[in-house]
Full PDB file with SEQRES, HELIX, SHEET, SSBOND, CRYST1, ORIGX, SCALE, CONECT and MASTER records, all heavy atoms in Angstrom:
SEQRES   1 A   34  THR ILE ILE TRP ILE SER GLY GLY SER ALA HIS ALA ASP          
SEQRES   2 A   34  SER VAL LYS GLY ARG PHE THR ILE SER ARG ASP ASN ALA          
SEQRES   3 A   34  LYS ASN THR VAL PHE LEU GLU MET                              
SHEET    1 AA1 2 THR A  20  ASP A  24  0                                        
SHEET    2 AA1 2 THR A  29  GLU A  33 -1                                        
CRYST1    1.000    1.000    1.000  90.00  90.00  90.00 P 1           1          
ORIGX1      1.000000  0.000000  0.000000        0.00000                         
ORIGX2      0.000000  1.000000  0.000000        0.00000                         
ORIGX3      0.000000  0.000000  1.000000        0.00000                         
SCALE1      1.000000  0.000000  0.000000        0.00000                         
SCALE2      0.000000  1.000000  0.000000        0.00000                         
SCALE3      0.000000  0.000000  1.000000        0.00000                         
ATOM      1  N   THR A   1     -21.949   0.452  -1.364  1.00  0.00           N  
ATOM      2  CA  THR A   1     -22.019   1.901  -1.433  1.00  0.00           C  
ATOM      3  C   THR A   1     -20.762   2.494  -0.832  1.00  0.00           C  
ATOM      4  O   THR A   1     -20.101   1.853  -0.003  1.00  0.00           O  
ATOM      5  CB  THR A   1     -23.269   2.441  -0.714  1.00  0.00           C  
ATOM      6  OG1 THR A   1     -23.421   3.842  -0.965  1.00  0.00           O  
ATOM      7  CG2 THR A   1     -23.183   2.209   0.791  1.00  0.00           C  
ATOM      8  N   ILE A   2     -20.435   3.706  -1.243  1.00  0.00           N  
ATOM      9  CA  ILE A   2     -19.254   4.385  -0.729  1.00  0.00           C  
ATOM     10  C   ILE A   2     -19.560   5.863  -0.543  1.00  0.00           C  
ATOM     11  O   ILE A   2     -20.161   6.501  -1.411  1.00  0.00           O  
ATOM     12  CB  ILE A   2     -18.038   4.165  -1.657  1.00  0.00           C  
ATOM     13  CG1 ILE A   2     -16.763   4.735  -1.036  1.00  0.00           C  
ATOM     14  CG2 ILE A   2     -18.280   4.743  -3.047  1.00  0.00           C  
ATOM     15  CD1 ILE A   2     -15.494   4.234  -1.716  1.00  0.00           C  
ATOM     16  N   ILE A   3     -19.177   6.404   0.601  1.00  0.00           N  
ATOM     17  CA  ILE A   3     -19.317   7.828   0.873  1.00  0.00           C  
ATOM     18  C   ILE A   3     -18.136   8.539   0.240  1.00  0.00           C  
ATOM     19  O   ILE A   3     -16.978   8.202   0.492  1.00  0.00           O  
ATOM     20  CB  ILE A   3     -19.374   8.091   2.391  1.00  0.00           C  
ATOM     21  CG1 ILE A   3     -20.597   7.403   2.992  1.00  0.00           C  
ATOM     22  CG2 ILE A   3     -19.409   9.594   2.670  1.00  0.00           C  
ATOM     23  CD1 ILE A   3     -20.639   7.443   4.499  1.00  0.00           C  
ATOM     24  N   TRP A   4     -18.429   9.516  -0.593  1.00  0.00           N  
ATOM     25  CA  TRP A   4     -17.403  10.066  -1.459  1.00  0.00           C  
ATOM     26  C   TRP A   4     -16.265  10.736  -0.712  1.00  0.00           C  
ATOM     27  O   TRP A   4     -15.094  10.489  -0.987  1.00  0.00           O  
ATOM     28  CB  TRP A   4     -18.020  11.037  -2.473  1.00  0.00           C  
ATOM     29  CG  TRP A   4     -17.158  11.198  -3.657  1.00  0.00           C  
ATOM     30  CD1 TRP A   4     -16.337  12.252  -3.937  1.00  0.00           C  
ATOM     31  CD2 TRP A   4     -16.994  10.259  -4.721  1.00  0.00           C  
ATOM     32  NE1 TRP A   4     -15.679  12.042  -5.113  1.00  0.00           N  
ATOM     33  CE2 TRP A   4     -16.057  10.824  -5.621  1.00  0.00           C  
ATOM     34  CE3 TRP A   4     -17.555   9.016  -5.010  1.00  0.00           C  
ATOM     35  CZ2 TRP A   4     -15.668  10.180  -6.782  1.00  0.00           C  
ATOM     36  CZ3 TRP A   4     -17.165   8.367  -6.163  1.00  0.00           C  
ATOM     37  CH2 TRP A   4     -16.235   8.940  -7.036  1.00  0.00           C  
ATOM     38  N   ILE A   5     -16.589  11.599   0.241  1.00  0.00           N  
ATOM     39  CA  ILE A   5     -15.544  12.402   0.859  1.00  0.00           C  
ATOM     40  C   ILE A   5     -14.671  11.595   1.802  1.00  0.00           C  
ATOM     41  O   ILE A   5     -13.499  11.942   2.007  1.00  0.00           O  
ATOM     42  CB  ILE A   5     -16.130  13.622   1.603  1.00  0.00           C  
ATOM     43  CG1 ILE A   5     -17.078  13.185   2.717  1.00  0.00           C  
ATOM     44  CG2 ILE A   5     -16.809  14.565   0.624  1.00  0.00           C  
ATOM     45  CD1 ILE A   5     -17.553  14.336   3.580  1.00  0.00           C  
ATOM     46  N   SER A   6     -15.190  10.553   2.373  1.00  0.00           N  
ATOM     47  CA  SER A   6     -14.445   9.794   3.368  1.00  0.00           C  
ATOM     48  C   SER A   6     -13.927   8.461   2.858  1.00  0.00           C  
ATOM     49  O   SER A   6     -12.953   7.931   3.401  1.00  0.00           O  
ATOM     50  CB  SER A   6     -15.309   9.541   4.602  1.00  0.00           C  
ATOM     51  OG  SER A   6     -16.336   8.610   4.313  1.00  0.00           O  
ATOM     52  N   GLY A   7     -14.573   7.902   1.848  1.00  0.00           N  
ATOM     53  CA  GLY A   7     -14.238   6.569   1.393  1.00  0.00           C  
ATOM     54  C   GLY A   7     -14.841   5.457   2.219  1.00  0.00           C  
ATOM     55  O   GLY A   7     -14.591   4.278   1.925  1.00  0.00           O  
ATOM     56  N   GLY A   8     -15.602   5.809   3.236  1.00  0.00           N  
ATOM     57  CA  GLY A   8     -16.283   4.791   4.013  1.00  0.00           C  
ATOM     58  C   GLY A   8     -17.245   4.009   3.143  1.00  0.00           C  
ATOM     59  O   GLY A   8     -17.921   4.579   2.283  1.00  0.00           O  
ATOM     60  N   SER A   9     -17.316   2.716   3.352  1.00  0.00           N  
ATOM     61  CA  SER A   9     -18.089   1.870   2.460  1.00  0.00           C  
ATOM     62  C   SER A   9     -18.877   0.822   3.226  1.00  0.00           C  
ATOM     63  O   SER A   9     -18.611   0.540   4.401  1.00  0.00           O  
ATOM     64  CB  SER A   9     -17.185   1.186   1.436  1.00  0.00           C  
ATOM     65  OG  SER A   9     -16.263   0.318   2.069  1.00  0.00           O  
ATOM     66  N   ALA A  10     -19.841   0.256   2.537  1.00  0.00           N  
ATOM     67  CA  ALA A  10     -20.624  -0.849   3.067  1.00  0.00           C  
ATOM     68  C   ALA A  10     -20.938  -1.803   1.930  1.00  0.00           C  
ATOM     69  O   ALA A  10     -21.121  -1.378   0.784  1.00  0.00           O  
ATOM     70  CB  ALA A  10     -21.911  -0.349   3.722  1.00  0.00           C  
ATOM     71  N   HIS A  11     -20.991  -3.070   2.255  1.00  0.00           N  
ATOM     72  CA  HIS A  11     -21.250  -4.104   1.265  1.00  0.00           C  
ATOM     73  C   HIS A  11     -22.349  -5.037   1.752  1.00  0.00           C  
ATOM     74  O   HIS A  11     -22.471  -5.299   2.949  1.00  0.00           O  
ATOM     75  CB  HIS A  11     -19.990  -4.927   0.996  1.00  0.00           C  
ATOM     76  CG  HIS A  11     -18.842  -4.132   0.459  1.00  0.00           C  
ATOM     77  ND1 HIS A  11     -18.073  -3.314   1.256  1.00  0.00           N  
ATOM     78  CD2 HIS A  11     -18.331  -4.029  -0.796  1.00  0.00           C  
ATOM     79  CE1 HIS A  11     -17.137  -2.737   0.529  1.00  0.00           C  
ATOM     80  NE2 HIS A  11     -17.266  -3.158  -0.719  1.00  0.00           N  
ATOM     81  N   ALA A  12     -23.137  -5.524   0.814  1.00  0.00           N  
ATOM     82  CA  ALA A  12     -24.157  -6.496   1.153  1.00  0.00           C  
ATOM     83  C   ALA A  12     -23.520  -7.765   1.700  1.00  0.00           C  
ATOM     84  O   ALA A  12     -22.416  -8.149   1.303  1.00  0.00           O  
ATOM     85  CB  ALA A  12     -25.007  -6.822  -0.073  1.00  0.00           C  
ATOM     86  N   ASP A  13     -24.229  -8.420   2.609  1.00  0.00           N  
ATOM     87  CA  ASP A  13     -23.698  -9.650   3.187  1.00  0.00           C  
ATOM     88  C   ASP A  13     -23.354 -10.686   2.120  1.00  0.00           C  
ATOM     89  O   ASP A  13     -22.391 -11.448   2.271  1.00  0.00           O  
ATOM     90  CB  ASP A  13     -24.700 -10.242   4.175  1.00  0.00           C  
ATOM     91  CG  ASP A  13     -24.813  -9.431   5.448  1.00  0.00           C  
ATOM     92  OD1 ASP A  13     -23.920  -8.617   5.732  1.00  0.00           O  
ATOM     93  OD2 ASP A  13     -25.816  -9.619   6.175  1.00  0.00           O  
ATOM     94  N   SER A  14     -24.126 -10.713   1.050  1.00  0.00           N  
ATOM     95  CA  SER A  14     -23.927 -11.717   0.017  1.00  0.00           C  
ATOM     96  C   SER A  14     -22.619 -11.546  -0.750  1.00  0.00           C  
ATOM     97  O   SER A  14     -22.178 -12.485  -1.413  1.00  0.00           O  
ATOM     98  CB  SER A  14     -25.097 -11.701  -0.964  1.00  0.00           C  
ATOM     99  OG  SER A  14     -25.227 -10.427  -1.572  1.00  0.00           O  
ATOM    100  N   VAL A  15     -22.004 -10.364  -0.658  1.00  0.00           N  
ATOM    101  CA  VAL A  15     -20.777 -10.121  -1.414  1.00  0.00           C  
ATOM    102  C   VAL A  15     -19.593  -9.767  -0.526  1.00  0.00           C  
ATOM    103  O   VAL A  15     -18.479  -9.600  -1.049  1.00  0.00           O  
ATOM    104  CB  VAL A  15     -20.977  -9.014  -2.470  1.00  0.00           C  
ATOM    105  CG1 VAL A  15     -22.151  -9.344  -3.380  1.00  0.00           C  
ATOM    106  CG2 VAL A  15     -21.166  -7.648  -1.810  1.00  0.00           C  
ATOM    107  N   LYS A  16     -19.795  -9.659   0.767  1.00  0.00           N  
ATOM    108  CA  LYS A  16     -18.690  -9.321   1.665  1.00  0.00           C  
ATOM    109  C   LYS A  16     -17.563 -10.332   1.542  1.00  0.00           C  
ATOM    110  O   LYS A  16     -17.793 -11.536   1.506  1.00  0.00           O  
ATOM    111  CB  LYS A  16     -19.175  -9.254   3.109  1.00  0.00           C  
ATOM    112  CG  LYS A  16     -19.897  -7.982   3.464  1.00  0.00           C  
ATOM    113  CD  LYS A  16     -20.318  -7.987   4.928  1.00  0.00           C  
ATOM    114  CE  LYS A  16     -21.055  -6.707   5.277  1.00  0.00           C  
ATOM    115  NZ  LYS A  16     -21.559  -6.728   6.669  1.00  0.00           N  
ATOM    116  N   GLY A  17     -16.356  -9.807   1.480  1.00  0.00           N  
ATOM    117  CA  GLY A  17     -15.193 -10.656   1.325  1.00  0.00           C  
ATOM    118  C   GLY A  17     -14.873 -11.006  -0.103  1.00  0.00           C  
ATOM    119  O   GLY A  17     -13.794 -11.547  -0.380  1.00  0.00           O  
ATOM    120  N   ARG A  18     -15.785 -10.713  -1.018  1.00  0.00           N  
ATOM    121  CA  ARG A  18     -15.562 -11.000  -2.434  1.00  0.00           C  
ATOM    122  C   ARG A  18     -15.544  -9.737  -3.292  1.00  0.00           C  
ATOM    123  O   ARG A  18     -14.754  -9.638  -4.231  1.00  0.00           O  
ATOM    124  CB  ARG A  18     -16.633 -11.951  -2.962  1.00  0.00           C  
ATOM    125  CG  ARG A  18     -16.659 -13.301  -2.256  1.00  0.00           C  
ATOM    126  CD  ARG A  18     -17.601 -14.270  -2.948  1.00  0.00           C  
ATOM    127  NE  ARG A  18     -18.983 -13.788  -2.939  1.00  0.00           N  
ATOM    128  CZ  ARG A  18     -19.692 -13.546  -4.038  1.00  0.00           C  
ATOM    129  NH1 ARG A  18     -19.166 -13.728  -5.242  1.00  0.00           N  
ATOM    130  NH2 ARG A  18     -20.948 -13.132  -3.941  1.00  0.00           N  
ATOM    131  N   PHE A  19     -16.427  -8.794  -2.984  1.00  0.00           N  
ATOM    132  CA  PHE A  19     -16.537  -7.557  -3.754  1.00  0.00           C  
ATOM    133  C   PHE A  19     -15.992  -6.399  -2.936  1.00  0.00           C  
ATOM    134  O   PHE A  19     -16.153  -6.354  -1.705  1.00  0.00           O  
ATOM    135  CB  PHE A  19     -17.994  -7.245  -4.098  1.00  0.00           C  
ATOM    136  CG  PHE A  19     -18.657  -8.184  -5.063  1.00  0.00           C  
ATOM    137  CD1 PHE A  19     -18.073  -9.376  -5.444  1.00  0.00           C  
ATOM    138  CD2 PHE A  19     -19.900  -7.853  -5.586  1.00  0.00           C  
ATOM    139  CE1 PHE A  19     -18.702 -10.234  -6.326  1.00  0.00           C  
ATOM    140  CE2 PHE A  19     -20.539  -8.704  -6.475  1.00  0.00           C  
ATOM    141  CZ  PHE A  19     -19.940  -9.892  -6.841  1.00  0.00           C  
ATOM    142  N   THR A  20     -15.394  -5.438  -3.612  1.00  0.00           N  
ATOM    143  CA  THR A  20     -14.895  -4.239  -2.964  1.00  0.00           C  
ATOM    144  C   THR A  20     -15.238  -3.020  -3.803  1.00  0.00           C  
ATOM    145  O   THR A  20     -14.888  -2.960  -4.986  1.00  0.00           O  
ATOM    146  CB  THR A  20     -13.376  -4.299  -2.753  1.00  0.00           C  
ATOM    147  OG1 THR A  20     -13.037  -5.455  -1.992  1.00  0.00           O  
ATOM    148  CG2 THR A  20     -12.897  -3.056  -2.004  1.00  0.00           C  
ATOM    149  N   ILE A  21     -15.903  -2.051  -3.190  1.00  0.00           N  
ATOM    150  CA  ILE A  21     -16.196  -0.801  -3.865  1.00  0.00           C  
ATOM    151  C   ILE A  21     -15.085   0.201  -3.554  1.00  0.00           C  
ATOM    152  O   ILE A  21     -14.544   0.229  -2.442  1.00  0.00           O  
ATOM    153  CB  ILE A  21     -17.574  -0.249  -3.448  1.00  0.00           C  
ATOM    154  CG1 ILE A  21     -17.988   0.932  -4.336  1.00  0.00           C  
ATOM    155  CG2 ILE A  21     -17.601   0.131  -1.972  1.00  0.00           C  
ATOM    156  CD1 ILE A  21     -19.434   1.375  -4.129  1.00  0.00           C  
ATOM    157  N   SER A  22     -14.752   1.013  -4.536  1.00  0.00           N  
ATOM    158  CA  SER A  22     -13.747   2.051  -4.352  1.00  0.00           C  
ATOM    159  C   SER A  22     -14.044   3.198  -5.300  1.00  0.00           C  
ATOM    160  O   SER A  22     -14.922   3.088  -6.161  1.00  0.00           O  
ATOM    161  CB  SER A  22     -12.333   1.508  -4.580  1.00  0.00           C  
ATOM    162  OG  SER A  22     -12.171   1.046  -5.908  1.00  0.00           O  
ATOM    163  N   ARG A  23     -13.334   4.307  -5.124  1.00  0.00           N  
ATOM    164  CA  ARG A  23     -13.539   5.431  -6.023  1.00  0.00           C  
ATOM    165  C   ARG A  23     -12.233   6.142  -6.318  1.00  0.00           C  
ATOM    166  O   ARG A  23     -11.287   6.096  -5.530  1.00  0.00           O  
ATOM    167  CB  ARG A  23     -14.573   6.426  -5.461  1.00  0.00           C  
ATOM    168  CG  ARG A  23     -14.029   7.536  -4.552  1.00  0.00           C  
ATOM    169  CD  ARG A  23     -13.765   7.034  -3.166  1.00  0.00           C  
ATOM    170  NE  ARG A  23     -13.631   8.121  -2.201  1.00  0.00           N  
ATOM    171  CZ  ARG A  23     -12.542   8.350  -1.487  1.00  0.00           C  
ATOM    172  NH1 ARG A  23     -11.485   7.547  -1.606  1.00  0.00           N  
ATOM    173  NH2 ARG A  23     -12.524   9.355  -0.615  1.00  0.00           N  
ATOM    174  N   ASP A  24     -12.192   6.789  -7.470  1.00  0.00           N  
ATOM    175  CA  ASP A  24     -11.107   7.665  -7.864  1.00  0.00           C  
ATOM    176  C   ASP A  24     -11.680   9.066  -7.866  1.00  0.00           C  
ATOM    177  O   ASP A  24     -12.427   9.442  -8.773  1.00  0.00           O  
ATOM    178  CB  ASP A  24     -10.563   7.287  -9.240  1.00  0.00           C  
ATOM    179  CG  ASP A  24      -9.346   8.096  -9.627  1.00  0.00           C  
ATOM    180  OD1 ASP A  24      -9.235   9.270  -9.232  1.00  0.00           O  
ATOM    181  OD2 ASP A  24      -8.483   7.540 -10.344  1.00  0.00           O  
ATOM    182  N   ASN A  25     -11.356   9.840  -6.862  1.00  0.00           N  
ATOM    183  CA  ASN A  25     -11.959  11.148  -6.684  1.00  0.00           C  
ATOM    184  C   ASN A  25     -11.652  12.081  -7.856  1.00  0.00           C  
ATOM    185  O   ASN A  25     -12.520  12.825  -8.315  1.00  0.00           O  
ATOM    186  CB  ASN A  25     -11.470  11.765  -5.373  1.00  0.00           C  
ATOM    187  CG  ASN A  25     -12.399  12.822  -4.839  1.00  0.00           C  
ATOM    188  OD1 ASN A  25     -13.593  12.833  -5.118  1.00  0.00           O  
ATOM    189  ND2 ASN A  25     -11.850  13.729  -4.050  1.00  0.00           N  
ATOM    190  N   ALA A  26     -10.421  12.045  -8.342  1.00  0.00           N  
ATOM    191  CA  ALA A  26     -10.021  12.935  -9.417  1.00  0.00           C  
ATOM    192  C   ALA A  26     -10.738  12.626 -10.723  1.00  0.00           C  
ATOM    193  O   ALA A  26     -10.957  13.525 -11.543  1.00  0.00           O  
ATOM    194  CB  ALA A  26      -8.506  12.872  -9.619  1.00  0.00           C  
ATOM    195  N   LYS A  27     -11.089  11.373 -10.931  1.00  0.00           N  
ATOM    196  CA  LYS A  27     -11.708  10.957 -12.185  1.00  0.00           C  
ATOM    197  C   LYS A  27     -13.218  10.804 -12.095  1.00  0.00           C  
ATOM    198  O   LYS A  27     -13.847  10.413 -13.076  1.00  0.00           O  
ATOM    199  CB  LYS A  27     -11.088   9.650 -12.660  1.00  0.00           C  
ATOM    200  CG  LYS A  27      -9.615   9.765 -13.001  1.00  0.00           C  
ATOM    201  CD  LYS A  27      -9.057   8.447 -13.512  1.00  0.00           C  
ATOM    202  CE  LYS A  27      -7.598   8.581 -13.896  1.00  0.00           C  
ATOM    203  NZ  LYS A  27      -7.043   7.294 -14.389  1.00  0.00           N  
ATOM    204  N   ASN A  28     -13.786  11.101 -10.936  1.00  0.00           N  
ATOM    205  CA  ASN A  28     -15.229  10.954 -10.734  1.00  0.00           C  
ATOM    206  C   ASN A  28     -15.710   9.576 -11.173  1.00  0.00           C  
ATOM    207  O   ASN A  28     -16.698   9.435 -11.891  1.00  0.00           O  
ATOM    208  CB  ASN A  28     -15.991  12.047 -11.475  1.00  0.00           C  
ATOM    209  CG  ASN A  28     -15.776  13.417 -10.870  1.00  0.00           C  
ATOM    210  OD1 ASN A  28     -15.658  13.561  -9.656  1.00  0.00           O  
ATOM    211  ND2 ASN A  28     -15.731  14.441 -11.715  1.00  0.00           N  
ATOM    212  N   THR A  29     -14.999   8.580 -10.727  1.00  0.00           N  
ATOM    213  CA  THR A  29     -15.265   7.206 -11.126  1.00  0.00           C  
ATOM    214  C   THR A  29     -15.341   6.316  -9.898  1.00  0.00           C  
ATOM    215  O   THR A  29     -14.534   6.450  -8.974  1.00  0.00           O  
ATOM    216  CB  THR A  29     -14.172   6.694 -12.078  1.00  0.00           C  
ATOM    217  OG1 THR A  29     -14.121   7.535 -13.241  1.00  0.00           O  
ATOM    218  CG2 THR A  29     -14.448   5.268 -12.515  1.00  0.00           C  
ATOM    219  N   VAL A  30     -16.304   5.429  -9.901  1.00  0.00           N  
ATOM    220  CA  VAL A  30     -16.437   4.437  -8.848  1.00  0.00           C  
ATOM    221  C   VAL A  30     -16.235   3.057  -9.458  1.00  0.00           C  
ATOM    222  O   VAL A  30     -16.596   2.821 -10.622  1.00  0.00           O  
ATOM    223  CB  VAL A  30     -17.797   4.553  -8.127  1.00  0.00           C  
ATOM    224  CG1 VAL A  30     -18.949   4.217  -9.060  1.00  0.00           C  
ATOM    225  CG2 VAL A  30     -17.831   3.688  -6.881  1.00  0.00           C  
ATOM    226  N   PHE A  31     -15.656   2.159  -8.687  1.00  0.00           N  
ATOM    227  CA  PHE A  31     -15.326   0.828  -9.159  1.00  0.00           C  
ATOM    228  C   PHE A  31     -15.987  -0.223  -8.281  1.00  0.00           C  
ATOM    229  O   PHE A  31     -16.303   0.015  -7.118  1.00  0.00           O  
ATOM    230  CB  PHE A  31     -13.814   0.607  -9.136  1.00  0.00           C  
ATOM    231  CG  PHE A  31     -13.036   1.635  -9.892  1.00  0.00           C  
ATOM    232  CD1 PHE A  31     -12.472   2.720  -9.239  1.00  0.00           C  
ATOM    233  CD2 PHE A  31     -12.865   1.530 -11.262  1.00  0.00           C  
ATOM    234  CE1 PHE A  31     -11.748   3.677  -9.934  1.00  0.00           C  
ATOM    235  CE2 PHE A  31     -12.143   2.477 -11.967  1.00  0.00           C  
ATOM    236  CZ  PHE A  31     -11.587   3.551 -11.296  1.00  0.00           C  
ATOM    237  N   LEU A  32     -16.176  -1.379  -8.849  1.00  0.00           N  
ATOM    238  CA  LEU A  32     -16.585  -2.545  -8.088  1.00  0.00           C  
ATOM    239  C   LEU A  32     -15.693  -3.701  -8.505  1.00  0.00           C  
ATOM    240  O   LEU A  32     -15.832  -4.238  -9.610  1.00  0.00           O  
ATOM    241  CB  LEU A  32     -18.056  -2.891  -8.325  1.00  0.00           C  
ATOM    242  CG  LEU A  32     -18.600  -4.014  -7.449  1.00  0.00           C  
ATOM    243  CD1 LEU A  32     -18.673  -3.571  -5.990  1.00  0.00           C  
ATOM    244  CD2 LEU A  32     -19.972  -4.460  -7.941  1.00  0.00           C  
ATOM    245  N   GLU A  33     -14.765  -4.055  -7.633  1.00  0.00           N  
ATOM    246  CA  GLU A  33     -13.902  -5.196  -7.865  1.00  0.00           C  
ATOM    247  C   GLU A  33     -14.627  -6.439  -7.383  1.00  0.00           C  
ATOM    248  O   GLU A  33     -14.998  -6.529  -6.212  1.00  0.00           O  
ATOM    249  CB  GLU A  33     -12.581  -5.023  -7.118  1.00  0.00           C  
ATOM    250  CG  GLU A  33     -11.591  -6.147  -7.332  1.00  0.00           C  
ATOM    251  CD  GLU A  33     -10.995  -6.146  -8.722  1.00  0.00           C  
ATOM    252  OE1 GLU A  33     -10.790  -5.051  -9.281  1.00  0.00           O  
ATOM    253  OE2 GLU A  33     -10.723  -7.238  -9.256  1.00  0.00           O  
ATOM    254  N   MET A  34     -14.840  -7.377  -8.279  1.00  0.00           N  
ATOM    255  CA  MET A  34     -15.595  -8.580  -7.976  1.00  0.00           C  
ATOM    256  C   MET A  34     -14.682  -9.785  -8.131  1.00  0.00           C  
ATOM    257  O   MET A  34     -14.175 -10.047  -9.224  1.00  0.00           O  
ATOM    258  CB  MET A  34     -16.811  -8.706  -8.894  1.00  0.00           C  
ATOM    259  CG  MET A  34     -17.734  -7.494  -8.849  1.00  0.00           C  
ATOM    260  SD  MET A  34     -19.241  -7.727  -9.829  1.00  0.00           S  
ATOM    261  CE  MET A  34     -18.537  -7.852 -11.472  1.00  0.00           C  
TER     262      MET A  34                                                      
MASTER        0    0    0    0    2    0    0    6  261    1    0    3          
END                                                                             
């Protein structure tokens, strides 16, 4: 999950170190890099 205004994020233990959530504020798009 990612908090929109701050970019603060949290990841499940099962994916930490492998997956990264991010967002593009201008495009109203969220990503999951796996």
